[in-house]
Amino acid sequence: MDAFLALLHSFSARLSEAELSSLKFLLRGKIGKRKLEAVQSGSELFNILLEQQLIARDETSLLEGLFKTINRDDLVAELKRFVEEGEASASDNQPDVHEKRLQNAAFEVICENVGRDWKMLVRKLGLSEVKMDRIVAENPFNLREQLFQSLRAWQKWKGKDAKVADLMKALRGCRMNLVADIVERELSLLDAGTS
């Protein structure tokens, strides 16, 4: 069983109806009204936040802020403890060294060669609009950094399931064949040890 989901389930069981109502109110700007009205438990609310990639094992700042606002310092402390303990084991979910090296080389080529259509590529990789919007807000007026941070967010989200092959498939799916060819060439040079 996933430890983060178990933690969220534990939080859900300890939320009163009034606290759940407060959380729903605080999230009105991030989740649609109809979805919020249908929520009957903390688990349902956390599930929506997970689906919209507003929270994740490595993205707990929103949850922490919500718990602080409703004065649940016990939940904040437990969440912080989970994050600190989780950082030690997070390396288990990362791609191996070789794959990560290939991904970083691919990221560099992609950032140099993909322009305004970067969101199409990132959507193809499965990153949510909410996550992309947050990255754009954090890096205004810097297209290259928006793309790079989006690729890093994808890498983090997928963990060890993040593969260069998925990047290539997404590039080709977006008809960015020239960029895909450049990435392939760069990766073959890297594999040959001449780069």
N, C-alpha and C. Protein backbone atom coordinates (compact mmCIF):
# COMPACT_ATOMS: atom_id res chain seq x y z
N MET A 1 0.84 -1.18 0.00
CA MET A 1 0.00 0.00 0.00
C MET A 1 0.89 1.25 0.00
N ASP A 2 0.49 2.25 -0.75
CA ASP A 2 1.22 3.50 -0.84
C ASP A 2 1.14 4.26 0.48
N ALA A 3 2.28 4.62 1.03
CA ALA A 3 2.34 5.28 2.34
C ALA A 3 1.66 6.65 2.33
N PHE A 4 1.77 7.38 1.21
CA PHE A 4 1.15 8.70 1.13
C PHE A 4 -0.37 8.57 1.15
N LEU A 5 -0.91 7.60 0.42
CA LEU A 5 -2.36 7.38 0.43
C LEU A 5 -2.84 6.97 1.81
N ALA A 6 -2.06 6.15 2.49
CA ALA A 6 -2.42 5.73 3.85
C ALA A 6 -2.44 6.96 4.78
N LEU A 7 -1.47 7.86 4.61
CA LEU A 7 -1.43 9.08 5.41
C LEU A 7 -2.67 9.93 5.15
N LEU A 8 -3.03 10.11 3.88
CA LEU A 8 -4.21 10.90 3.53
C LEU A 8 -5.48 10.28 4.11
N HIS A 9 -5.55 8.94 4.06
CA HIS A 9 -6.71 8.24 4.63
C HIS A 9 -6.78 8.50 6.14
N SER A 10 -5.64 8.46 6.79
CA SER A 10 -5.57 8.73 8.22
C SER A 10 -6.04 10.17 8.52
N PHE A 11 -5.60 11.13 7.71
CA PHE A 11 -6.04 12.51 7.88
C PHE A 11 -7.55 12.62 7.72
N SER A 12 -8.07 11.95 6.69
CA SER A 12 -9.50 12.00 6.38
C SER A 12 -10.33 11.54 7.57
N ALA A 13 -9.89 10.45 8.19
CA ALA A 13 -10.64 9.88 9.32
C ALA A 13 -10.66 10.83 10.52
N ARG A 14 -9.68 11.72 10.60
CA ARG A 14 -9.57 12.61 11.76
C ARG A 14 -10.15 14.00 11.51
N LEU A 15 -10.73 14.24 10.34
CA LEU A 15 -11.31 15.55 10.05
C LEU A 15 -12.78 15.57 10.49
N SER A 16 -13.16 16.62 11.20
CA SER A 16 -14.57 16.77 11.56
C SER A 16 -15.34 17.30 10.35
N GLU A 17 -16.66 17.27 10.43
CA GLU A 17 -17.48 17.81 9.33
C GLU A 17 -17.21 19.30 9.14
N ALA A 18 -17.05 20.02 10.23
CA ALA A 18 -16.78 21.46 10.15
C ALA A 18 -15.43 21.72 9.48
N GLU A 19 -14.43 20.90 9.80
CA GLU A 19 -13.11 21.07 9.19
C GLU A 19 -13.15 20.74 7.70
N LEU A 20 -13.89 19.69 7.35
CA LEU A 20 -14.04 19.34 5.93
C LEU A 20 -14.72 20.48 5.19
N SER A 21 -15.74 21.04 5.80
CA SER A 21 -16.45 22.17 5.20
C SER A 21 -15.51 23.36 5.00
N SER A 22 -14.65 23.61 5.99
CA SER A 22 -13.67 24.70 5.88
C SER A 22 -12.68 24.44 4.74
N LEU A 23 -12.21 23.21 4.63
CA LEU A 23 -11.28 22.85 3.55
C LEU A 23 -11.93 23.06 2.19
N LYS A 24 -13.17 22.63 2.07
CA LYS A 24 -13.90 22.80 0.80
C LYS A 24 -14.01 24.28 0.45
N PHE A 25 -14.30 25.12 1.45
CA PHE A 25 -14.40 26.56 1.22
C PHE A 25 -13.06 27.13 0.76
N LEU A 26 -11.99 26.72 1.42
CA LEU A 26 -10.66 27.23 1.08
C LEU A 26 -10.21 26.82 -0.32
N LEU A 27 -10.75 25.73 -0.83
CA LEU A 27 -10.34 25.22 -2.14
C LEU A 27 -11.24 25.68 -3.28
N ARG A 28 -12.15 26.60 -3.03
CA ARG A 28 -13.10 27.04 -4.06
C ARG A 28 -12.41 27.60 -5.30
N GLY A 29 -11.27 28.22 -5.13
CA GLY A 29 -10.57 28.79 -6.28
C GLY A 29 -9.78 27.76 -7.08
N LYS A 30 -9.62 26.56 -6.54
CA LYS A 30 -8.81 25.54 -7.20
C LYS A 30 -9.63 24.37 -7.74
N ILE A 31 -10.80 24.14 -7.14
CA ILE A 31 -11.65 23.02 -7.56
C ILE A 31 -13.03 23.57 -7.90
N GLY A 32 -13.63 23.04 -8.93
CA GLY A 32 -14.95 23.49 -9.37
C GLY A 32 -16.01 23.32 -8.30
N LYS A 33 -17.02 24.19 -8.34
CA LYS A 33 -18.09 24.21 -7.34
C LYS A 33 -18.85 22.89 -7.27
N ARG A 34 -19.19 22.33 -8.43
CA ARG A 34 -19.95 21.06 -8.46
C ARG A 34 -19.17 19.92 -7.81
N LYS A 35 -17.89 19.85 -8.13
CA LYS A 35 -17.07 18.80 -7.54
C LYS A 35 -17.02 18.95 -6.02
N LEU A 36 -16.85 20.19 -5.57
CA LEU A 36 -16.77 20.43 -4.13
C LEU A 36 -18.08 20.09 -3.43
N GLU A 37 -19.21 20.41 -4.06
CA GLU A 37 -20.50 20.12 -3.46
C GLU A 37 -20.72 18.62 -3.30
N ALA A 38 -20.15 17.82 -4.21
CA ALA A 38 -20.33 16.38 -4.16
C ALA A 38 -19.44 15.70 -3.11
N VAL A 39 -18.42 16.41 -2.64
CA VAL A 39 -17.48 15.82 -1.68
C VAL A 39 -18.16 15.60 -0.33
N GLN A 40 -18.07 14.36 0.16
CA GLN A 40 -18.68 14.01 1.44
C GLN A 40 -17.65 13.60 2.50
N SER A 41 -16.40 13.41 2.08
CA SER A 41 -15.37 12.98 3.02
C SER A 41 -14.02 13.58 2.64
N GLY A 42 -13.12 13.52 3.60
CA GLY A 42 -11.77 13.98 3.34
C GLY A 42 -11.09 13.17 2.25
N SER A 43 -11.36 11.86 2.23
CA SER A 43 -10.77 11.00 1.20
C SER A 43 -11.18 11.43 -0.19
N GLU A 44 -12.45 11.77 -0.36
CA GLU A 44 -12.92 12.24 -1.68
C GLU A 44 -12.24 13.54 -2.06
N LEU A 45 -12.08 14.43 -1.10
CA LEU A 45 -11.43 15.71 -1.36
C LEU A 45 -9.96 15.50 -1.74
N PHE A 46 -9.27 14.66 -0.97
CA PHE A 46 -7.86 14.39 -1.25
C PHE A 46 -7.71 13.71 -2.62
N ASN A 47 -8.66 12.86 -2.97
CA ASN A 47 -8.62 12.19 -4.26
C ASN A 47 -8.68 13.20 -5.41
N ILE A 48 -9.54 14.21 -5.28
CA ILE A 48 -9.65 15.26 -6.30
C ILE A 48 -8.33 16.03 -6.38
N LEU A 49 -7.76 16.35 -5.21
CA LEU A 49 -6.49 17.08 -5.20
C LEU A 49 -5.37 16.26 -5.86
N LEU A 50 -5.39 14.95 -5.64
CA LEU A 50 -4.40 14.08 -6.28
C LEU A 50 -4.61 14.04 -7.79
N GLU A 51 -5.87 13.89 -8.22
CA GLU A 51 -6.18 13.82 -9.65
C GLU A 51 -5.74 15.08 -10.37
N GLN A 52 -5.93 16.22 -9.72
CA GLN A 52 -5.57 17.50 -10.35
C GLN A 52 -4.10 17.86 -10.11
N GLN A 53 -3.37 16.92 -9.50
CA GLN A 53 -1.94 17.08 -9.22
C GLN A 53 -1.65 18.33 -8.40
N LEU A 54 -2.58 18.69 -7.52
CA LEU A 54 -2.37 19.81 -6.61
C LEU A 54 -1.60 19.35 -5.38
N ILE A 55 -1.70 18.04 -5.08
CA ILE A 55 -0.89 17.45 -4.02
C ILE A 55 -0.28 16.17 -4.56
N ALA A 56 0.84 15.81 -3.99
CA ALA A 56 1.52 14.56 -4.33
C ALA A 56 2.49 14.27 -3.19
N ARG A 57 3.09 13.11 -3.24
CA ARG A 57 4.06 12.71 -2.21
C ARG A 57 5.14 13.79 -2.03
N ASP A 58 5.55 14.42 -3.13
CA ASP A 58 6.61 15.42 -3.06
C ASP A 58 6.09 16.84 -3.23
N GLU A 59 4.77 17.01 -3.16
CA GLU A 59 4.15 18.33 -3.34
C GLU A 59 3.06 18.49 -2.27
N THR A 60 3.50 18.85 -1.06
CA THR A 60 2.57 18.88 0.08
C THR A 60 2.31 20.29 0.60
N SER A 61 2.85 21.30 -0.06
CA SER A 61 2.74 22.67 0.47
C SER A 61 1.28 23.13 0.56
N LEU A 62 0.45 22.79 -0.42
CA LEU A 62 -0.96 23.19 -0.38
C LEU A 62 -1.64 22.55 0.83
N LEU A 63 -1.41 21.27 1.02
CA LEU A 63 -2.01 20.54 2.13
C LEU A 63 -1.57 21.13 3.47
N GLU A 64 -0.30 21.43 3.57
CA GLU A 64 0.24 22.02 4.79
C GLU A 64 -0.43 23.35 5.08
N GLY A 65 -0.56 24.18 4.05
CA GLY A 65 -1.22 25.49 4.20
C GLY A 65 -2.67 25.36 4.63
N LEU A 66 -3.37 24.39 4.04
CA LEU A 66 -4.77 24.16 4.41
C LEU A 66 -4.90 23.76 5.87
N PHE A 67 -4.06 22.82 6.30
CA PHE A 67 -4.11 22.35 7.68
C PHE A 67 -3.76 23.47 8.66
N LYS A 68 -2.81 24.33 8.29
CA LYS A 68 -2.46 25.46 9.16
C LYS A 68 -3.65 26.40 9.30
N THR A 69 -4.34 26.64 8.19
CA THR A 69 -5.46 27.57 8.18
C THR A 69 -6.61 27.09 9.07
N ILE A 70 -6.83 25.78 9.11
CA ILE A 70 -7.91 25.26 9.96
C ILE A 70 -7.40 24.87 11.36
N ASN A 71 -6.19 25.33 11.69
CA ASN A 71 -5.59 25.12 13.02
C ASN A 71 -5.44 23.65 13.40
N ARG A 72 -4.98 22.83 12.44
CA ARG A 72 -4.70 21.44 12.75
C ARG A 72 -3.19 21.23 12.72
N ASP A 73 -2.52 21.79 13.72
CA ASP A 73 -1.06 21.71 13.82
C ASP A 73 -0.58 20.27 13.96
N ASP A 74 -1.44 19.41 14.55
CA ASP A 74 -1.06 18.00 14.67
C ASP A 74 -0.91 17.35 13.29
N LEU A 75 -1.81 17.71 12.37
CA LEU A 75 -1.73 17.16 11.01
C LEU A 75 -0.54 17.76 10.25
N VAL A 76 -0.27 19.04 10.49
CA VAL A 76 0.88 19.70 9.86
C VAL A 76 2.17 19.00 10.30
N ALA A 77 2.29 18.74 11.59
CA ALA A 77 3.50 18.09 12.12
C ALA A 77 3.66 16.69 11.54
N GLU A 78 2.55 15.95 11.45
CA GLU A 78 2.61 14.60 10.90
C GLU A 78 3.00 14.63 9.42
N LEU A 79 2.46 15.60 8.68
CA LEU A 79 2.78 15.75 7.27
C LEU A 79 4.27 16.08 7.09
N LYS A 80 4.78 17.00 7.89
CA LYS A 80 6.20 17.37 7.81
C LYS A 80 7.10 16.18 8.12
N ARG A 81 6.71 15.40 9.12
CA ARG A 81 7.49 14.21 9.50
C ARG A 81 7.51 13.22 8.33
N PHE A 82 6.35 13.04 7.70
CA PHE A 82 6.26 12.13 6.55
C PHE A 82 7.18 12.59 5.43
N VAL A 83 7.17 13.89 5.15
CA VAL A 83 8.00 14.43 4.06
C VAL A 83 9.48 14.24 4.37
N GLU A 84 9.88 14.53 5.61
CA GLU A 84 11.29 14.37 5.99
C GLU A 84 11.74 12.92 5.90
N GLU A 85 10.90 12.01 6.36
CA GLU A 85 11.24 10.58 6.28
C GLU A 85 11.21 10.10 4.84
N GLY A 86 10.29 10.66 4.07
CA GLY A 86 10.13 10.24 2.67
C GLY A 86 11.27 10.66 1.79
N GLU A 87 11.94 11.77 2.14
CA GLU A 87 13.06 12.24 1.31
C GLU A 87 14.19 11.23 1.30
N ALA A 88 14.35 10.51 2.38
CA ALA A 88 15.41 9.51 2.45
C ALA A 88 15.12 8.34 1.53
N SER A 89 13.83 7.98 1.41
CA SER A 89 13.47 6.82 0.56
C SER A 89 13.04 7.23 -0.84
N ALA A 90 13.02 8.55 -1.13
CA ALA A 90 12.57 9.01 -2.44
C ALA A 90 13.47 8.53 -3.57
N SER A 91 14.74 8.28 -3.26
CA SER A 91 15.67 7.84 -4.30
C SER A 91 15.27 6.48 -4.86
N ASP A 92 14.48 5.71 -4.12
CA ASP A 92 14.00 4.40 -4.62
C ASP A 92 13.11 4.57 -5.84
N ASN A 93 12.44 5.72 -5.95
CA ASN A 93 11.48 5.92 -7.03
C ASN A 93 12.08 6.74 -8.18
N GLN A 94 13.37 6.97 -8.18
CA GLN A 94 14.00 7.75 -9.23
C GLN A 94 14.58 6.84 -10.31
N PRO A 95 14.67 7.37 -11.54
CA PRO A 95 15.29 6.57 -12.61
C PRO A 95 16.74 6.25 -12.26
N ASP A 96 17.27 5.17 -12.85
CA ASP A 96 18.66 4.84 -12.58
C ASP A 96 19.58 5.94 -13.15
N VAL A 97 20.83 5.91 -12.77
CA VAL A 97 21.78 6.98 -13.12
C VAL A 97 21.90 7.15 -14.63
N HIS A 98 21.99 6.04 -15.36
CA HIS A 98 22.13 6.11 -16.82
C HIS A 98 20.89 6.75 -17.45
N GLU A 99 19.72 6.31 -17.03
CA GLU A 99 18.47 6.85 -17.59
C GLU A 99 18.34 8.33 -17.26
N LYS A 100 18.71 8.71 -16.06
CA LYS A 100 18.62 10.12 -15.66
C LYS A 100 19.58 10.97 -16.49
N ARG A 101 20.77 10.44 -16.77
CA ARG A 101 21.74 11.16 -17.60
C ARG A 101 21.18 11.36 -19.01
N LEU A 102 20.55 10.32 -19.55
CA LEU A 102 19.94 10.43 -20.88
C LEU A 102 18.79 11.45 -20.87
N GLN A 103 17.98 11.40 -19.81
CA GLN A 103 16.86 12.34 -19.71
C GLN A 103 17.36 13.78 -19.63
N ASN A 104 18.39 14.02 -18.83
CA ASN A 104 18.91 15.38 -18.71
C ASN A 104 19.47 15.89 -20.04
N ALA A 105 20.12 15.01 -20.79
CA ALA A 105 20.62 15.40 -22.13
C ALA A 105 19.44 15.70 -23.05
N ALA A 106 18.41 14.88 -22.98
CA ALA A 106 17.22 15.09 -23.81
C ALA A 106 16.54 16.40 -23.41
N PHE A 107 16.45 16.67 -22.11
CA PHE A 107 15.83 17.92 -21.64
C PHE A 107 16.55 19.13 -22.22
N GLU A 108 17.88 19.06 -22.23
CA GLU A 108 18.67 20.18 -22.73
C GLU A 108 18.36 20.44 -24.21
N VAL A 109 18.33 19.37 -25.00
CA VAL A 109 18.04 19.51 -26.44
C VAL A 109 16.61 20.03 -26.64
N ILE A 110 15.68 19.47 -25.89
CA ILE A 110 14.27 19.88 -26.02
C ILE A 110 14.12 21.36 -25.66
N CYS A 111 14.74 21.79 -24.58
CA CYS A 111 14.64 23.19 -24.16
C CYS A 111 15.26 24.14 -25.18
N GLU A 112 16.30 23.69 -25.87
CA GLU A 112 16.94 24.54 -26.88
C GLU A 112 16.13 24.61 -28.17
N ASN A 113 15.32 23.58 -28.44
CA ASN A 113 14.69 23.48 -29.76
C ASN A 113 13.17 23.56 -29.79
N VAL A 114 12.51 23.48 -28.65
CA VAL A 114 11.05 23.59 -28.63
C VAL A 114 10.69 24.99 -28.16
N GLY A 115 9.83 25.64 -28.87
CA GLY A 115 9.47 27.02 -28.54
C GLY A 115 8.10 27.13 -27.91
N ARG A 116 7.28 27.96 -28.55
CA ARG A 116 5.95 28.27 -28.00
C ARG A 116 5.04 27.06 -27.85
N ASP A 117 5.28 26.00 -28.58
CA ASP A 117 4.41 24.82 -28.52
C ASP A 117 4.77 23.86 -27.40
N TRP A 118 5.53 24.31 -26.42
CA TRP A 118 5.99 23.43 -25.36
C TRP A 118 4.85 22.81 -24.56
N LYS A 119 3.73 23.55 -24.40
CA LYS A 119 2.62 23.02 -23.61
C LYS A 119 2.00 21.79 -24.28
N MET A 120 1.98 21.79 -25.60
CA MET A 120 1.45 20.64 -26.33
C MET A 120 2.27 19.39 -25.97
N LEU A 121 3.58 19.54 -25.94
CA LEU A 121 4.46 18.42 -25.60
C LEU A 121 4.23 17.95 -24.17
N VAL A 122 4.15 18.88 -23.26
CA VAL A 122 4.00 18.53 -21.84
C VAL A 122 2.64 17.89 -21.59
N ARG A 123 1.60 18.35 -22.30
CA ARG A 123 0.29 17.70 -22.21
C ARG A 123 0.38 16.26 -22.68
N LYS A 124 1.10 16.03 -23.76
CA LYS A 124 1.28 14.68 -24.30
C LYS A 124 1.95 13.77 -23.28
N LEU A 125 2.80 14.35 -22.45
CA LEU A 125 3.47 13.58 -21.40
C LEU A 125 2.55 13.30 -20.21
N GLY A 126 1.41 14.00 -20.15
CA GLY A 126 0.42 13.73 -19.12
C GLY A 126 0.41 14.68 -17.93
N LEU A 127 1.20 15.76 -17.99
CA LEU A 127 1.22 16.71 -16.88
C LEU A 127 -0.07 17.54 -16.93
N SER A 128 -0.64 17.82 -15.78
CA SER A 128 -1.93 18.52 -15.73
C SER A 128 -1.79 20.01 -16.06
N GLU A 129 -2.89 20.59 -16.50
CA GLU A 129 -2.95 22.02 -16.79
C GLU A 129 -2.64 22.84 -15.54
N VAL A 130 -3.15 22.37 -14.41
CA VAL A 130 -2.94 23.08 -13.14
C VAL A 130 -1.45 23.16 -12.83
N LYS A 131 -0.76 22.04 -13.00
CA LYS A 131 0.69 22.00 -12.73
C LYS A 131 1.42 22.94 -13.69
N MET A 132 1.04 22.90 -14.98
CA MET A 132 1.68 23.79 -15.95
C MET A 132 1.44 25.26 -15.61
N ASP A 133 0.20 25.57 -15.23
CA ASP A 133 -0.13 26.96 -14.88
C ASP A 133 0.70 27.44 -13.70
N ARG A 134 0.90 26.56 -12.72
CA ARG A 134 1.70 26.91 -11.55
C ARG A 134 3.15 27.19 -11.97
N ILE A 135 3.67 26.35 -12.86
CA ILE A 135 5.05 26.53 -13.33
C ILE A 135 5.18 27.84 -14.11
N VAL A 136 4.19 28.15 -14.94
CA VAL A 136 4.21 29.41 -15.70
C VAL A 136 4.19 30.60 -14.74
N ALA A 137 3.36 30.51 -13.69
CA ALA A 137 3.26 31.61 -12.72
C ALA A 137 4.58 31.79 -11.95
N GLU A 138 5.27 30.68 -11.69
CA GLU A 138 6.53 30.76 -10.96
C GLU A 138 7.69 31.26 -11.83
N ASN A 139 7.53 31.14 -13.16
CA ASN A 139 8.60 31.53 -14.09
C ASN A 139 8.05 32.42 -15.21
N PRO A 140 7.48 33.56 -14.85
CA PRO A 140 6.89 34.40 -15.90
C PRO A 140 7.97 34.93 -16.85
N PHE A 141 7.60 35.04 -18.10
CA PHE A 141 8.47 35.62 -19.13
C PHE A 141 9.73 34.81 -19.42
N ASN A 142 9.78 33.56 -18.99
CA ASN A 142 10.96 32.74 -19.25
C ASN A 142 10.50 31.40 -19.82
N LEU A 143 10.30 31.37 -21.11
CA LEU A 143 9.78 30.20 -21.81
C LEU A 143 10.64 28.96 -21.60
N ARG A 144 11.93 29.13 -21.70
CA ARG A 144 12.85 27.99 -21.57
C ARG A 144 12.75 27.36 -20.18
N GLU A 145 12.69 28.22 -19.16
CA GLU A 145 12.59 27.72 -17.78
C GLU A 145 11.24 27.06 -17.52
N GLN A 146 10.18 27.60 -18.12
CA GLN A 146 8.85 26.98 -17.99
C GLN A 146 8.87 25.56 -18.54
N LEU A 147 9.48 25.40 -19.71
CA LEU A 147 9.57 24.08 -20.32
C LEU A 147 10.45 23.16 -19.47
N PHE A 148 11.60 23.66 -19.04
CA PHE A 148 12.51 22.83 -18.25
C PHE A 148 11.85 22.37 -16.95
N GLN A 149 11.21 23.29 -16.24
CA GLN A 149 10.56 22.94 -14.97
C GLN A 149 9.39 21.98 -15.19
N SER A 150 8.71 22.10 -16.33
CA SER A 150 7.63 21.17 -16.66
C SER A 150 8.18 19.77 -16.91
N LEU A 151 9.31 19.70 -17.61
CA LEU A 151 9.94 18.40 -17.84
C LEU A 151 10.43 17.79 -16.53
N ARG A 152 10.98 18.62 -15.64
CA ARG A 152 11.41 18.13 -14.32
C ARG A 152 10.21 17.65 -13.51
N ALA A 153 9.10 18.38 -13.59
CA ALA A 153 7.88 17.97 -12.87
C ALA A 153 7.39 16.62 -13.40
N TRP A 154 7.46 16.43 -14.71
CA TRP A 154 7.07 15.13 -15.31
C TRP A 154 8.00 14.03 -14.79
N GLN A 155 9.30 14.32 -14.79
CA GLN A 155 10.30 13.34 -14.33
C GLN A 155 10.03 12.96 -12.87
N LYS A 156 9.75 13.94 -12.05
CA LYS A 156 9.47 13.72 -10.64
C LYS A 156 8.18 12.93 -10.45
N TRP A 157 7.15 13.30 -11.22
CA TRP A 157 5.84 12.66 -11.13
C TRP A 157 5.91 11.19 -11.54
N LYS A 158 6.62 10.91 -12.62
CA LYS A 158 6.72 9.54 -13.12
C LYS A 158 7.71 8.69 -12.33
N GLY A 159 8.70 9.33 -11.72
CA GLY A 159 9.69 8.59 -10.95
C GLY A 159 10.49 7.66 -11.84
N LYS A 160 10.64 6.40 -11.39
CA LYS A 160 11.45 5.46 -12.18
C LYS A 160 10.75 5.01 -13.45
N ASP A 161 9.46 5.37 -13.60
CA ASP A 161 8.75 5.05 -14.84
C ASP A 161 8.98 6.09 -15.93
N ALA A 162 9.68 7.17 -15.60
CA ALA A 162 10.01 8.20 -16.60
C ALA A 162 11.10 7.65 -17.52
N LYS A 163 10.81 7.57 -18.79
CA LYS A 163 11.75 7.01 -19.76
C LYS A 163 11.96 7.99 -20.92
N VAL A 164 13.16 7.98 -21.46
CA VAL A 164 13.47 8.80 -22.63
C VAL A 164 12.56 8.38 -23.79
N ALA A 165 12.24 7.10 -23.86
CA ALA A 165 11.36 6.60 -24.92
C ALA A 165 10.00 7.31 -24.88
N ASP A 166 9.52 7.63 -23.67
CA ASP A 166 8.25 8.37 -23.55
C ASP A 166 8.39 9.79 -24.08
N LEU A 167 9.55 10.41 -23.83
CA LEU A 167 9.81 11.74 -24.38
C LEU A 167 9.81 11.70 -25.91
N MET A 168 10.47 10.68 -26.45
CA MET A 168 10.55 10.55 -27.90
C MET A 168 9.15 10.35 -28.51
N LYS A 169 8.37 9.49 -27.88
CA LYS A 169 7.01 9.21 -28.36
C LYS A 169 6.17 10.49 -28.32
N ALA A 170 6.30 11.27 -27.24
CA ALA A 170 5.54 12.52 -27.12
C ALA A 170 5.99 13.53 -28.18
N LEU A 171 7.30 13.64 -28.40
CA LEU A 171 7.80 14.55 -29.44
C LEU A 171 7.25 14.18 -30.80
N ARG A 172 7.32 12.90 -31.13
CA ARG A 172 6.81 12.46 -32.43
C ARG A 172 5.30 12.62 -32.51
N GLY A 173 4.61 12.40 -31.39
CA GLY A 173 3.16 12.57 -31.34
C GLY A 173 2.73 14.01 -31.57
N CYS A 174 3.61 14.94 -31.24
CA CYS A 174 3.35 16.37 -31.44
C CYS A 174 3.91 16.86 -32.78
N ARG A 175 4.39 15.94 -33.58
CA ARG A 175 5.00 16.24 -34.89
C ARG A 175 6.23 17.14 -34.75
N MET A 176 6.95 16.91 -33.67
CA MET A 176 8.22 17.62 -33.46
C MET A 176 9.35 16.66 -33.84
N ASN A 177 9.28 16.15 -35.05
CA ASN A 177 10.20 15.11 -35.51
C ASN A 177 11.64 15.59 -35.59
N LEU A 178 11.85 16.83 -35.99
CA LEU A 178 13.22 17.34 -36.06
C LEU A 178 13.87 17.35 -34.68
N VAL A 179 13.11 17.80 -33.68
CA VAL A 179 13.64 17.82 -32.31
C VAL A 179 13.91 16.39 -31.85
N ALA A 180 13.00 15.47 -32.16
CA ALA A 180 13.19 14.06 -31.78
C ALA A 180 14.46 13.50 -32.44
N ASP A 181 14.69 13.85 -33.70
CA ASP A 181 15.89 13.39 -34.39
C ASP A 181 17.16 13.94 -33.73
N ILE A 182 17.11 15.22 -33.34
CA ILE A 182 18.27 15.83 -32.68
C ILE A 182 18.53 15.15 -31.33
N VAL A 183 17.44 14.86 -30.59
CA VAL A 183 17.58 14.17 -29.30
C VAL A 183 18.21 12.80 -29.52
N GLU A 184 17.71 12.05 -30.52
CA GLU A 184 18.26 10.71 -30.80
C GLU A 184 19.74 10.79 -31.13
N ARG A 185 20.12 11.77 -31.95
CA ARG A 185 21.51 11.92 -32.32
C ARG A 185 22.38 12.23 -31.09
N GLU A 186 21.88 13.15 -30.26
CA GLU A 186 22.62 13.53 -29.04
C GLU A 186 22.75 12.34 -28.09
N LEU A 187 21.69 11.56 -27.96
CA LEU A 187 21.72 10.40 -27.06
C LEU A 187 22.66 9.31 -27.58
N SER A 188 22.70 9.14 -28.91
CA SER A 188 23.61 8.13 -29.46
C SER A 188 25.07 8.55 -29.24
N LEU A 189 25.34 9.87 -29.34
CA LEU A 189 26.68 10.36 -29.05
C LEU A 189 27.02 10.15 -27.57
N LEU A 190 26.05 10.39 -26.72
CA LEU A 190 26.24 10.21 -25.27
C LEU A 190 26.51 8.76 -24.94
N ASP A 191 25.74 7.85 -25.57
CA ASP A 191 25.93 6.42 -25.35
C ASP A 191 27.31 5.96 -25.85
N ALA A 192 27.75 6.57 -26.96
CA ALA A 192 29.04 6.20 -27.52
C ALA A 192 30.20 6.79 -26.72
N GLY A 193 29.86 7.74 -25.83
CA GLY A 193 30.89 8.35 -25.00
C GLY A 193 31.68 9.44 -25.66
N THR A 194 31.15 9.96 -26.77
CA THR A 194 31.88 11.02 -27.49
C THR A 194 31.32 12.39 -27.21
N SER A 195 30.29 12.49 -26.40
CA SER A 195 29.71 13.80 -26.13
C SER A 195 30.28 14.40 -24.87
